[in-house]
Amino acid sequence: MLDRPAALPAAAAAADRAVLHGIGFMLLGTALFTFNDALGKWLVVSVAVGQLLFIRSAAAFLILAPMIHRAGWRKVFVVEQPGWHSLRLVLIVLEVAAFYMAVRHLPLADVMSVYQAGPLIVTVLAIPLLGERVGWRRGLAVGIGFIGVLLVLRPEGGVFSAPALIALGGAVGYALLMLSTRHLRAASNLTLIAWHTVGVGLCGLLTLPWGWMPLDWSTLALLGLIGVVATSAHVCMNQSLKLAPASVVTPYQYTSLLWAILLGWLVFGDVPTGGMLLGAGIIVASGLFVLHREQKLKS
């Protein structure tokens, strides 16, 4: 009985440490993902997109194989909702391919900013697809967020360039991917990552007869590094969500924009324009407000 009061602060301190560790893992995972995207932008100029997807997935699978073996191959790959997993896989392939095709022509920070509008697009698509109701506050935030997208993409003469349209299509695909993942809450993180890795790799493999380019060993190693980094980022983010509530750590994903701006400037010489920075700020602010409202409505 005398030890109980002391145990309560100790438990609270442990919970606080877990949240801090969760935030740390989210920051690390976000940084790794952005580094991975920058490396992909560097390579996709001289490597076919399908080739990149195949080699990065093959490298990632080498990292995942021991984990899958411990969990059981049948348990990981035999799923209860194959239709939803297949749909999610198609969306993943389209979204990833669109991202790499877009960053081939656009600054990394611009494409990343458009992808940050994913939660806003989810809010819109959830109305017809999930029958969800969106109040005027979230609706206004979404509308303002899309103004930010226009500022980032800078349509000339009212017409988007092809790379800008590809980036926007990729962001829509990413939003649909998030919606489809809601139907797979029962699936383990390992199952989702494994299906993702194998599916993207197979789709990349199918394109090789039409898109194979000779590679030197250094390029091959960098392509493999993309897979290793992406898998490590997934592990960090999954660990983050285990240690802390999603509502606490999710906003830290927006730090990817800071990394994208820094890497774009240092590696590719892309100096962000005032319009791009303003648009990115609007997108982030709108996304954070929508997240805040969703959490408030759930509480």
Protein backbone atom coordinates (compact mmCIF):
# COMPACT_ATOMS: atom_id res chain seq x y z
CA MET A 1 0.00 0.00 0.00
CA LEU A 2 2.81 2.44 0.86
CA ASP A 3 4.48 1.82 -2.51
CA ARG A 4 1.38 2.59 -4.59
CA PRO A 5 1.70 6.43 -4.65
CA ALA A 6 5.29 6.12 -5.84
CA ALA A 7 4.28 3.62 -8.52
CA LEU A 8 1.84 6.04 -10.14
CA PRO A 9 4.44 8.72 -11.01
CA ALA A 10 6.78 5.96 -12.20
CA ALA A 11 4.10 4.62 -14.55
CA ALA A 12 3.34 8.12 -15.81
CA ALA A 13 7.05 8.74 -16.43
CA ALA A 14 7.30 5.46 -18.36
CA ALA A 15 4.30 6.45 -20.48
CA ASP A 16 5.88 9.84 -21.20
CA ARG A 17 9.13 8.17 -22.22
CA ALA A 18 7.23 5.84 -24.54
CA VAL A 19 5.55 8.82 -26.22
CA LEU A 20 8.90 10.60 -26.62
CA HIS A 21 10.41 7.46 -28.11
CA GLY A 22 7.39 7.17 -30.41
CA ILE A 23 7.91 10.74 -31.62
CA GLY A 24 11.59 9.98 -32.15
CA PHE A 25 10.82 6.92 -34.24
CA MET A 26 8.31 8.92 -36.32
CA LEU A 27 10.85 11.68 -36.94
CA LEU A 28 13.49 9.11 -37.92
CA GLY A 29 11.09 7.19 -40.17
CA THR A 30 9.96 10.38 -41.89
CA ALA A 31 13.56 11.48 -42.47
CA LEU A 32 14.45 8.06 -43.90
CA PHE A 33 11.45 8.10 -46.24
CA THR A 34 12.42 11.56 -47.54
CA PHE A 35 16.04 10.50 -48.02
CA ASN A 36 14.72 7.46 -49.86
CA ASP A 37 12.60 9.69 -52.13
CA ALA A 38 15.54 11.98 -52.84
CA LEU A 39 17.71 9.00 -53.74
CA GLY A 40 14.95 7.75 -56.03
CA LYS A 41 14.75 11.15 -57.75
CA TRP A 42 18.51 11.05 -58.26
CA LEU A 43 18.39 7.60 -59.88
CA VAL A 44 15.15 7.78 -61.87
CA VAL A 45 16.76 10.20 -64.31
CA SER A 46 18.91 7.39 -65.70
CA VAL A 47 16.95 4.28 -64.63
CA ALA A 48 13.53 3.12 -65.81
CA VAL A 49 10.79 3.40 -63.17
CA GLY A 50 9.88 -0.30 -63.45
CA GLN A 51 13.53 -1.26 -63.08
CA LEU A 52 13.81 0.89 -59.96
CA LEU A 53 10.67 -0.64 -58.44
CA PHE A 54 11.85 -4.20 -59.07
CA ILE A 55 15.38 -3.82 -57.68
CA ARG A 56 14.34 -1.80 -54.63
CA SER A 57 11.63 -4.36 -53.82
CA ALA A 58 14.06 -7.26 -54.22
CA ALA A 59 16.46 -5.62 -51.75
CA ALA A 60 13.63 -4.87 -49.33
CA PHE A 61 12.43 -8.46 -49.50
CA LEU A 62 15.86 -9.69 -48.40
CA ILE A 63 15.39 -7.63 -45.22
CA LEU A 64 11.81 -8.81 -44.72
CA ALA A 65 12.38 -12.52 -45.40
CA PRO A 66 13.72 -13.41 -41.92
CA MET A 67 10.79 -11.57 -40.27
CA ILE A 68 8.30 -13.35 -42.52
CA HIS A 69 9.93 -16.70 -41.78
CA ARG A 70 9.63 -16.15 -38.04
CA ALA A 71 5.98 -15.10 -38.35
CA GLY A 72 5.13 -17.90 -40.79
CA TRP A 73 4.88 -17.54 -44.57
CA ARG A 74 1.31 -18.76 -44.73
CA LYS A 75 0.22 -16.48 -41.91
CA VAL A 76 1.71 -13.45 -43.67
CA PHE A 77 0.58 -14.06 -47.25
CA VAL A 78 -2.72 -15.97 -46.85
CA VAL A 79 -5.18 -13.22 -45.94
CA GLU A 80 -8.87 -12.99 -45.16
CA GLN A 81 -9.67 -10.11 -47.51
CA PRO A 82 -7.71 -10.82 -50.70
CA GLY A 83 -9.88 -8.44 -52.73
CA TRP A 84 -9.05 -5.46 -50.53
CA HIS A 85 -5.39 -6.44 -50.39
CA SER A 86 -5.30 -6.68 -54.19
CA LEU A 87 -6.97 -3.28 -54.57
CA ARG A 88 -4.54 -1.76 -52.10
CA LEU A 89 -1.67 -3.30 -54.04
CA VAL A 90 -2.86 -1.77 -57.34
CA LEU A 91 -3.13 1.64 -55.67
CA ILE A 92 0.36 1.29 -54.18
CA VAL A 93 1.90 0.51 -57.57
CA LEU A 94 0.12 3.43 -59.26
CA GLU A 95 0.99 5.84 -56.45
CA VAL A 96 4.68 4.88 -56.28
CA ALA A 97 5.07 4.93 -60.07
CA ALA A 98 3.37 8.34 -60.26
CA PHE A 99 5.67 9.72 -57.56
CA TYR A 100 8.85 8.70 -59.36
CA MET A 101 7.57 9.90 -62.74
CA ALA A 102 6.65 13.26 -61.18
CA VAL A 103 9.96 13.84 -59.34
CA ARG A 104 11.81 13.12 -62.57
CA HIS A 105 10.61 16.55 -63.77
CA LEU A 106 9.52 18.49 -60.66
CA PRO A 107 11.41 19.59 -57.53
CA LEU A 108 11.22 17.05 -54.70
CA ALA A 109 9.67 19.55 -52.29
CA ASP A 110 6.90 20.40 -54.78
CA VAL A 111 5.86 16.78 -55.21
CA MET A 112 6.11 16.10 -51.48
CA SER A 113 3.91 19.13 -50.79
CA VAL A 114 1.22 17.85 -53.14
CA TYR A 115 1.36 14.42 -51.49
CA GLN A 116 0.87 16.09 -48.10
CA ALA A 117 -2.62 16.98 -49.36
CA GLY A 118 -3.46 13.26 -49.12
CA PRO A 119 -5.40 13.61 -45.82
CA LEU A 120 -7.42 16.46 -47.35
CA ILE A 121 -8.28 14.31 -50.37
CA VAL A 122 -9.22 11.46 -48.03
CA THR A 123 -11.70 13.77 -46.30
CA VAL A 124 -13.35 14.56 -49.65
CA LEU A 125 -13.39 10.98 -50.97
CA ALA A 126 -14.74 9.61 -47.68
CA ILE A 127 -18.03 11.39 -48.37
CA PRO A 128 -19.09 9.37 -51.46
CA LEU A 129 -17.05 6.22 -50.74
CA LEU A 130 -17.63 5.76 -47.00
CA GLY A 131 -20.74 7.85 -46.48
CA GLU A 132 -18.99 10.06 -43.94
CA ARG A 133 -20.29 13.52 -43.14
CA VAL A 134 -17.96 16.51 -43.26
CA GLY A 135 -18.88 19.66 -41.36
CA TRP A 136 -18.38 23.16 -42.67
CA ARG A 137 -15.16 23.65 -40.69
CA ARG A 138 -13.40 20.67 -42.23
CA GLY A 139 -14.92 21.48 -45.62
CA LEU A 140 -13.52 25.00 -45.46
CA ALA A 141 -10.12 23.70 -44.37
CA VAL A 142 -10.06 21.26 -47.31
CA GLY A 143 -10.94 24.05 -49.75
CA ILE A 144 -8.18 26.27 -48.39
CA GLY A 145 -5.78 23.33 -48.55
CA PHE A 146 -6.47 22.86 -52.25
CA ILE A 147 -5.64 26.52 -52.81
CA GLY A 148 -2.26 25.63 -51.32
CA VAL A 149 -1.93 22.80 -53.87
CA LEU A 150 -2.55 25.29 -56.69
CA LEU A 151 0.12 27.60 -55.30
CA VAL A 152 2.63 24.74 -55.23
CA LEU A 153 1.87 23.43 -58.73
CA ARG A 154 1.53 26.91 -60.30
CA PRO A 155 -0.77 26.07 -63.25
CA GLU A 156 0.14 28.32 -66.17
CA GLY A 157 -2.74 29.65 -68.22
CA GLY A 158 -5.13 27.57 -66.15
CA VAL A 159 -3.55 24.32 -67.40
CA PHE A 160 -1.42 21.93 -65.36
CA SER A 161 1.74 20.51 -66.88
CA ALA A 162 1.88 16.74 -67.40
CA PRO A 163 4.26 16.18 -64.43
CA ALA A 164 1.98 18.30 -62.21
CA LEU A 165 -1.05 16.24 -63.23
CA ILE A 166 0.91 13.05 -62.53
CA ALA A 167 1.83 14.34 -59.06
CA LEU A 168 -1.80 15.27 -58.39
CA GLY A 169 -2.94 11.85 -59.62
CA GLY A 170 -0.38 10.21 -57.35
CA ALA A 171 -1.73 12.18 -54.38
CA VAL A 172 -5.27 10.98 -55.20
CA GLY A 173 -3.93 7.42 -55.44
CA TYR A 174 -2.26 7.86 -52.06
CA ALA A 175 -5.56 9.05 -50.57
CA LEU A 176 -7.40 6.04 -52.00
CA LEU A 177 -4.64 3.85 -50.59
CA MET A 178 -5.24 5.26 -47.10
CA LEU A 179 -8.98 4.65 -47.47
CA SER A 180 -8.46 1.05 -48.58
CA THR A 181 -6.12 0.45 -45.64
CA ARG A 182 -8.99 1.32 -43.27
CA HIS A 183 -10.67 -1.90 -44.39
CA LEU A 184 -7.58 -3.92 -43.44
CA ARG A 185 -7.21 -2.97 -39.77
CA ALA A 186 -7.12 -6.65 -38.79
CA ALA A 187 -4.07 -7.32 -40.99
CA SER A 188 -0.66 -7.17 -39.32
CA ASN A 189 1.86 -4.50 -40.29
CA LEU A 190 4.18 -7.22 -41.57
CA THR A 191 1.46 -8.55 -43.88
CA LEU A 192 0.79 -5.09 -45.30
CA ILE A 193 4.49 -4.38 -45.88
CA ALA A 194 5.13 -7.84 -47.35
CA TRP A 195 2.23 -7.59 -49.81
CA HIS A 196 3.41 -4.08 -50.68
CA THR A 197 6.99 -5.21 -51.33
CA VAL A 198 6.19 -8.35 -53.31
CA GLY A 199 3.44 -6.71 -55.36
CA VAL A 200 5.47 -3.67 -56.36
CA GLY A 201 8.43 -5.90 -57.18
CA LEU A 202 6.36 -8.18 -59.43
CA CYS A 203 4.84 -5.23 -61.27
CA GLY A 204 8.29 -3.78 -61.80
CA LEU A 205 9.50 -7.18 -63.03
CA LEU A 206 6.75 -7.30 -65.67
CA THR A 207 7.99 -4.02 -67.18
CA LEU A 208 11.63 -5.08 -67.52
CA PRO A 209 11.38 -6.39 -71.12
CA TRP A 210 10.40 -2.86 -72.19
CA GLY A 211 12.42 -0.80 -69.73
CA TRP A 212 15.70 -2.52 -68.87
CA MET A 213 18.78 -0.30 -68.87
CA PRO A 214 22.37 -1.45 -68.27
CA LEU A 215 23.52 -0.80 -64.70
CA ASP A 216 26.92 -0.49 -63.12
CA TRP A 217 27.56 -1.89 -59.66
CA SER A 218 27.33 1.47 -57.92
CA THR A 219 23.90 2.21 -59.41
CA LEU A 220 22.72 -1.30 -58.52
CA ALA A 221 23.89 -0.78 -54.94
CA LEU A 222 22.05 2.54 -54.68
CA LEU A 223 18.86 0.96 -56.04
CA GLY A 224 19.16 -1.74 -53.40
CA LEU A 225 19.78 0.91 -50.76
CA ILE A 226 16.39 2.46 -51.61
CA GLY A 227 14.67 -0.79 -50.65
CA VAL A 228 16.65 -1.12 -47.42
CA VAL A 229 15.97 2.49 -46.39
CA ALA A 230 12.25 2.26 -47.22
CA THR A 231 11.88 -0.92 -45.17
CA SER A 232 13.75 0.65 -42.25
CA ALA A 233 11.43 3.67 -42.46
CA HIS A 234 8.37 1.40 -42.34
CA VAL A 235 9.75 -0.35 -39.25
CA CYS A 236 10.40 3.00 -37.53
CA MET A 237 6.89 4.28 -38.23
CA ASN A 238 5.26 1.04 -37.10
CA GLN A 239 7.28 1.17 -33.88
CA SER A 240 6.25 4.79 -33.42
CA LEU A 241 2.57 3.88 -33.63
CA LYS A 242 3.08 1.08 -31.10
CA LEU A 243 4.65 3.43 -28.57
CA ALA A 244 2.43 6.50 -28.92
CA PRO A 245 -1.10 7.40 -30.06
CA ALA A 246 -1.46 8.08 -33.79
CA SER A 247 -2.95 11.52 -33.05
CA VAL A 248 0.30 12.46 -31.26
CA VAL A 249 2.88 11.21 -33.77
CA THR A 250 1.08 11.66 -37.13
CA PRO A 251 1.60 15.46 -37.31
CA TYR A 252 5.36 14.88 -37.23
CA GLN A 253 5.12 13.35 -40.70
CA TYR A 254 4.92 16.90 -42.01
CA THR A 255 8.63 17.29 -41.18
CA SER A 256 9.17 15.49 -44.48
CA LEU A 257 8.62 18.86 -46.18
CA LEU A 258 11.56 20.37 -44.29
CA TRP A 259 13.79 17.49 -45.34
CA ALA A 260 12.51 17.68 -48.93
CA ILE A 261 13.29 21.40 -49.15
CA LEU A 262 16.75 20.89 -47.63
CA LEU A 263 17.67 17.89 -49.80
CA GLY A 264 16.21 19.51 -52.91
CA TRP A 265 18.39 22.57 -52.32
CA LEU A 266 21.60 20.74 -51.35
CA VAL A 267 21.44 17.86 -53.86
CA PHE A 268 19.46 19.16 -56.84
CA GLY A 269 19.90 22.91 -56.53
CA ASP A 270 16.12 23.47 -56.29
CA VAL A 271 15.52 26.79 -54.53
CA PRO A 272 11.94 26.91 -53.22
CA THR A 273 9.86 29.82 -54.46
CA GLY A 274 7.77 32.02 -52.20
CA GLY A 275 4.60 30.59 -53.75
CA MET A 276 5.73 27.03 -53.09
CA LEU A 277 6.55 27.77 -49.44
CA LEU A 278 3.25 29.59 -48.94
CA GLY A 279 1.31 26.75 -50.60
CA ALA A 280 3.11 24.11 -48.54
CA GLY A 281 2.36 26.05 -45.36
CA ILE A 282 -1.32 26.26 -46.26
CA ILE A 283 -1.47 22.52 -47.00
CA VAL A 284 0.17 21.62 -43.69
CA ALA A 285 -2.01 24.02 -41.67
CA SER A 286 -5.17 22.71 -43.35
CA GLY A 287 -4.13 19.09 -42.78
CA LEU A 288 -3.39 19.71 -39.12
CA PHE A 289 -6.75 21.42 -38.64
CA VAL A 290 -8.60 18.53 -40.31
CA LEU A 291 -6.70 16.06 -38.07
CA HIS A 292 -7.59 18.16 -35.00
CA ARG A 293 -11.27 18.23 -35.93
CA GLU A 294 -11.37 14.48 -36.59
CA GLN A 295 -9.82 13.75 -33.22
CA LYS A 296 -12.21 16.15 -31.48
CA LEU A 297 -15.24 14.53 -33.12
CA LYS A 298 -14.04 11.06 -32.07
CA SER A 299 -13.54 12.11 -28.44
